[in-house]
């Protein structure tokens, strides 16, 4: 759809569906970190954008910015590193 169709507002499409596109990543990170309290974050959304851009490129497309979507940050630390640094148990803080 991103490569073939001409979307009138691709950024709004991303905003409306970013959590759905990122659910598998969140589930995977929760399992890896053994912390079911983790929520969506900019790092998780960034990972979803990277995966989406990689799929578009594998189909012969270009970067997401050229089709009106946010450009993923490929220079950031890995999502696992960032979330490991942020991991704490909310129940223990209460």
N, C-alpha and C. Protein backbone atom coordinates (compact mmCIF):
# COMPACT_ATOMS: atom_id res chain seq x y z
N UNK A 1 0.83 -1.18 0.00
CA UNK A 1 0.00 0.00 0.00
C UNK A 1 0.88 1.26 0.00
N UNK A 2 1.94 1.26 0.81
CA UNK A 2 2.80 2.43 0.88
C UNK A 2 3.52 2.70 -0.43
N UNK A 3 3.88 1.64 -1.12
CA UNK A 3 4.67 1.80 -2.34
C UNK A 3 3.80 1.99 -3.58
N UNK A 4 2.66 1.32 -3.63
CA UNK A 4 1.84 1.31 -4.84
C UNK A 4 0.81 2.45 -4.84
N UNK A 5 0.16 2.66 -3.71
CA UNK A 5 -0.91 3.66 -3.63
C UNK A 5 -0.34 5.03 -3.29
N UNK A 6 -1.03 6.04 -3.73
CA UNK A 6 -0.66 7.41 -3.38
C UNK A 6 -1.57 7.85 -2.24
N UNK A 7 -1.05 7.79 -1.03
CA UNK A 7 -1.84 8.13 0.15
C UNK A 7 -1.91 9.65 0.31
N UNK A 8 -3.09 10.15 0.69
CA UNK A 8 -3.22 11.60 0.82
C UNK A 8 -2.57 12.11 2.10
N UNK A 9 -2.52 11.30 3.16
CA UNK A 9 -1.89 11.74 4.41
C UNK A 9 -1.22 10.55 5.10
N UNK A 10 -0.07 10.11 4.60
CA UNK A 10 0.59 8.94 5.17
C UNK A 10 1.03 9.14 6.62
N UNK A 11 1.38 10.37 6.99
CA UNK A 11 1.79 10.62 8.37
C UNK A 11 0.63 10.38 9.34
N UNK A 12 -0.57 10.81 8.96
CA UNK A 12 -1.74 10.58 9.81
C UNK A 12 -2.06 9.08 9.88
N UNK A 13 -1.85 8.37 8.79
CA UNK A 13 -2.02 6.92 8.78
C UNK A 13 -1.10 6.29 9.82
N UNK A 14 0.16 6.73 9.87
CA UNK A 14 1.12 6.21 10.85
C UNK A 14 0.66 6.54 12.28
N UNK A 15 0.26 7.79 12.51
CA UNK A 15 -0.18 8.20 13.85
C UNK A 15 -1.37 7.36 14.30
N UNK A 16 -2.31 7.12 13.41
CA UNK A 16 -3.50 6.35 13.77
C UNK A 16 -3.22 4.88 14.03
N UNK A 17 -2.17 4.33 13.43
CA UNK A 17 -1.93 2.89 13.49
C UNK A 17 -0.57 2.50 14.05
N UNK A 18 0.18 3.43 14.63
CA UNK A 18 1.52 3.10 15.10
C UNK A 18 1.52 2.06 16.22
N UNK A 19 0.53 2.08 17.08
CA UNK A 19 0.49 1.07 18.15
C UNK A 19 0.21 -0.32 17.58
N UNK A 20 -0.70 -0.40 16.63
CA UNK A 20 -1.01 -1.69 16.00
C UNK A 20 0.23 -2.23 15.28
N UNK A 21 0.95 -1.36 14.58
CA UNK A 21 2.16 -1.77 13.85
C UNK A 21 3.29 -2.15 14.80
N UNK A 22 3.20 -1.75 16.07
CA UNK A 22 4.28 -1.96 17.02
C UNK A 22 3.98 -3.01 18.08
N UNK A 23 2.78 -3.60 18.05
CA UNK A 23 2.38 -4.56 19.09
C UNK A 23 3.33 -5.74 19.21
N UNK A 24 3.73 -6.32 18.09
CA UNK A 24 4.62 -7.48 18.13
C UNK A 24 5.97 -7.12 18.74
N UNK A 25 6.46 -5.94 18.44
CA UNK A 25 7.74 -5.50 19.00
C UNK A 25 7.61 -5.34 20.51
N UNK A 26 6.54 -4.70 20.96
CA UNK A 26 6.32 -4.52 22.40
C UNK A 26 6.23 -5.87 23.09
N UNK A 27 5.50 -6.80 22.51
CA UNK A 27 5.36 -8.13 23.11
C UNK A 27 6.72 -8.83 23.21
N UNK A 28 7.51 -8.71 22.16
CA UNK A 28 8.84 -9.33 22.15
C UNK A 28 9.74 -8.70 23.23
N UNK A 29 9.72 -7.39 23.34
CA UNK A 29 10.55 -6.71 24.33
C UNK A 29 10.10 -7.05 25.74
N UNK A 30 8.79 -7.11 25.97
CA UNK A 30 8.29 -7.51 27.29
C UNK A 30 8.79 -8.90 27.67
N UNK A 31 8.79 -9.80 26.70
CA UNK A 31 9.27 -11.16 26.96
C UNK A 31 10.77 -11.16 27.23
N UNK A 32 11.53 -10.46 26.41
CA UNK A 32 12.99 -10.41 26.59
C UNK A 32 13.37 -9.78 27.91
N UNK A 33 12.68 -8.72 28.29
CA UNK A 33 13.00 -8.00 29.52
C UNK A 33 12.32 -8.60 30.75
N UNK A 34 11.43 -9.55 30.51
CA UNK A 34 10.64 -10.17 31.60
C UNK A 34 9.94 -9.10 32.43
N UNK A 35 9.31 -8.18 31.72
CA UNK A 35 8.62 -7.07 32.36
C UNK A 35 7.35 -6.76 31.58
N UNK A 36 6.24 -7.24 32.08
CA UNK A 36 4.96 -7.03 31.40
C UNK A 36 4.42 -5.62 31.58
N UNK A 37 5.08 -4.81 32.41
CA UNK A 37 4.64 -3.43 32.64
C UNK A 37 5.14 -2.46 31.58
N UNK A 38 6.03 -2.90 30.70
CA UNK A 38 6.56 -2.01 29.67
C UNK A 38 5.43 -1.53 28.76
N UNK A 39 5.52 -0.28 28.36
CA UNK A 39 4.52 0.33 27.50
C UNK A 39 5.17 0.75 26.18
N UNK A 40 4.35 1.23 25.24
CA UNK A 40 4.87 1.74 23.99
C UNK A 40 5.81 2.91 24.28
N UNK A 41 6.83 3.04 23.47
CA UNK A 41 7.80 4.13 23.64
C UNK A 41 8.26 4.59 22.26
N UNK A 42 8.98 5.69 22.24
CA UNK A 42 9.51 6.17 20.96
C UNK A 42 10.48 5.16 20.36
N UNK A 43 11.20 4.42 21.20
CA UNK A 43 12.13 3.40 20.70
C UNK A 43 11.38 2.26 20.02
N UNK A 44 10.26 1.86 20.58
CA UNK A 44 9.47 0.79 19.99
C UNK A 44 8.86 1.26 18.67
N UNK A 45 8.33 2.48 18.65
CA UNK A 45 7.78 3.01 17.40
C UNK A 45 8.88 3.17 16.35
N UNK A 46 10.07 3.57 16.78
CA UNK A 46 11.19 3.70 15.84
C UNK A 46 11.54 2.35 15.23
N UNK A 47 11.54 1.31 16.05
CA UNK A 47 11.84 -0.04 15.55
C UNK A 47 10.80 -0.45 14.51
N UNK A 48 9.53 -0.12 14.74
CA UNK A 48 8.47 -0.43 13.77
C UNK A 48 8.69 0.33 12.47
N UNK A 49 9.12 1.58 12.57
CA UNK A 49 9.42 2.36 11.36
C UNK A 49 10.59 1.75 10.59
N UNK A 50 11.62 1.29 11.30
CA UNK A 50 12.76 0.66 10.65
C UNK A 50 12.32 -0.59 9.90
N UNK A 51 11.52 -1.41 10.54
CA UNK A 51 11.03 -2.64 9.91
C UNK A 51 10.19 -2.30 8.67
N UNK A 52 9.32 -1.30 8.80
CA UNK A 52 8.48 -0.88 7.68
C UNK A 52 9.34 -0.37 6.53
N UNK A 53 10.31 0.47 6.84
CA UNK A 53 11.18 1.01 5.79
C UNK A 53 11.98 -0.11 5.11
N UNK A 54 12.46 -1.06 5.88
CA UNK A 54 13.20 -2.19 5.29
C UNK A 54 12.33 -2.98 4.33
N UNK A 55 11.05 -3.16 4.69
CA UNK A 55 10.13 -3.89 3.79
C UNK A 55 9.86 -3.10 2.52
N UNK A 56 9.65 -1.79 2.66
CA UNK A 56 9.42 -0.94 1.48
C UNK A 56 10.64 -0.98 0.56
N UNK A 57 11.82 -0.88 1.14
CA UNK A 57 13.06 -0.92 0.34
C UNK A 57 13.25 -2.27 -0.34
N UNK A 58 12.88 -3.35 0.36
CA UNK A 58 13.05 -4.68 -0.24
C UNK A 58 12.13 -4.88 -1.44
N UNK A 59 11.07 -4.08 -1.51
CA UNK A 59 10.14 -4.14 -2.65
C UNK A 59 10.50 -3.12 -3.73
N UNK A 60 11.67 -2.50 -3.59
CA UNK A 60 12.13 -1.57 -4.60
C UNK A 60 11.81 -0.12 -4.33
N UNK A 61 11.26 0.17 -3.16
CA UNK A 61 10.93 1.55 -2.81
C UNK A 61 12.12 2.26 -2.20
N UNK A 62 11.86 3.48 -1.73
CA UNK A 62 12.94 4.25 -1.11
C UNK A 62 12.62 4.46 0.37
N UNK A 63 13.21 5.48 0.96
CA UNK A 63 13.01 5.70 2.39
C UNK A 63 11.60 6.21 2.69
N UNK A 64 11.21 6.11 3.95
CA UNK A 64 9.86 6.50 4.35
C UNK A 64 9.62 8.00 4.23
N UNK A 65 10.65 8.78 4.45
CA UNK A 65 10.50 10.23 4.37
C UNK A 65 10.01 10.66 2.99
N UNK A 66 10.46 9.97 1.95
CA UNK A 66 10.07 10.34 0.58
C UNK A 66 8.59 10.05 0.29
N UNK A 67 7.96 9.23 1.11
CA UNK A 67 6.52 8.96 0.92
C UNK A 67 5.67 9.60 2.01
N UNK A 68 6.29 10.50 2.81
CA UNK A 68 5.53 11.28 3.78
C UNK A 68 5.41 10.69 5.16
N UNK A 69 6.20 9.68 5.47
CA UNK A 69 6.18 9.09 6.81
C UNK A 69 7.39 9.55 7.60
N UNK A 70 7.33 9.44 8.93
CA UNK A 70 8.51 9.81 9.73
C UNK A 70 9.72 8.97 9.35
N UNK A 71 10.87 9.59 9.35
CA UNK A 71 12.13 8.91 9.06
C UNK A 71 12.61 8.21 10.33
N UNK A 72 12.83 6.89 10.28
CA UNK A 72 13.33 6.21 11.48
C UNK A 72 14.76 6.62 11.79
N UNK A 73 15.09 6.59 13.06
CA UNK A 73 16.45 6.91 13.50
C UNK A 73 17.25 5.62 13.59
N UNK A 74 18.08 5.38 12.61
CA UNK A 74 18.88 4.16 12.59
C UNK A 74 20.17 4.30 13.39
N UNK A 75 20.47 5.50 13.84
CA UNK A 75 21.70 5.74 14.59
C UNK A 75 21.52 5.57 16.10
N UNK A 76 20.28 5.43 16.55
CA UNK A 76 20.05 5.32 17.99
C UNK A 76 20.52 3.98 18.51
N UNK A 77 20.67 3.91 19.83
CA UNK A 77 21.04 2.65 20.46
C UNK A 77 19.97 1.62 20.17
N UNK A 78 20.32 0.37 20.29
CA UNK A 78 19.33 -0.67 20.05
C UNK A 78 18.22 -0.57 21.08
N UNK A 79 17.05 -0.96 20.68
CA UNK A 79 15.89 -0.89 21.56
C UNK A 79 16.11 -1.69 22.84
N UNK A 80 16.80 -2.80 22.71
CA UNK A 80 17.06 -3.63 23.88
C UNK A 80 17.93 -2.90 24.89
N UNK A 81 18.96 -2.19 24.41
CA UNK A 81 19.84 -1.45 25.31
C UNK A 81 19.09 -0.33 26.03
N UNK A 82 18.31 0.42 25.28
CA UNK A 82 17.57 1.53 25.87
C UNK A 82 16.58 1.03 26.90
N UNK A 83 15.82 0.01 26.56
CA UNK A 83 14.81 -0.48 27.49
C UNK A 83 15.43 -1.17 28.70
N UNK A 84 16.56 -1.80 28.53
CA UNK A 84 17.23 -2.41 29.67
C UNK A 84 17.63 -1.33 30.68
N UNK A 85 18.08 -0.19 30.18
CA UNK A 85 18.45 0.91 31.07
C UNK A 85 17.24 1.50 31.78
N UNK A 86 16.09 1.41 31.17
CA UNK A 86 14.86 1.96 31.76
C UNK A 86 14.08 0.95 32.58
N UNK A 87 14.52 -0.29 32.59
CA UNK A 87 13.73 -1.33 33.24
C UNK A 87 13.73 -1.16 34.75
N UNK A 88 12.56 -1.06 35.27
CA UNK A 88 12.34 -1.07 36.70
C UNK A 88 10.92 -1.57 36.91
N UNK A 89 10.67 -2.06 38.06
CA UNK A 89 9.36 -2.62 38.33
C UNK A 89 8.48 -1.57 38.99
N UNK A 90 7.47 -1.17 38.29
CA UNK A 90 6.57 -0.12 38.75
C UNK A 90 5.95 -0.49 40.08
N UNK A 91 5.59 -1.75 40.25
CA UNK A 91 4.96 -2.18 41.50
C UNK A 91 5.88 -1.96 42.70
N UNK A 92 7.19 -2.06 42.51
CA UNK A 92 8.13 -1.85 43.60
C UNK A 92 8.28 -0.37 43.94
N UNK A 93 7.97 0.50 43.01
CA UNK A 93 8.09 1.93 43.24
C UNK A 93 6.88 2.51 43.95
N UNK A 94 5.81 1.78 43.98
CA UNK A 94 4.56 2.29 44.59
C UNK A 94 4.57 2.18 46.07
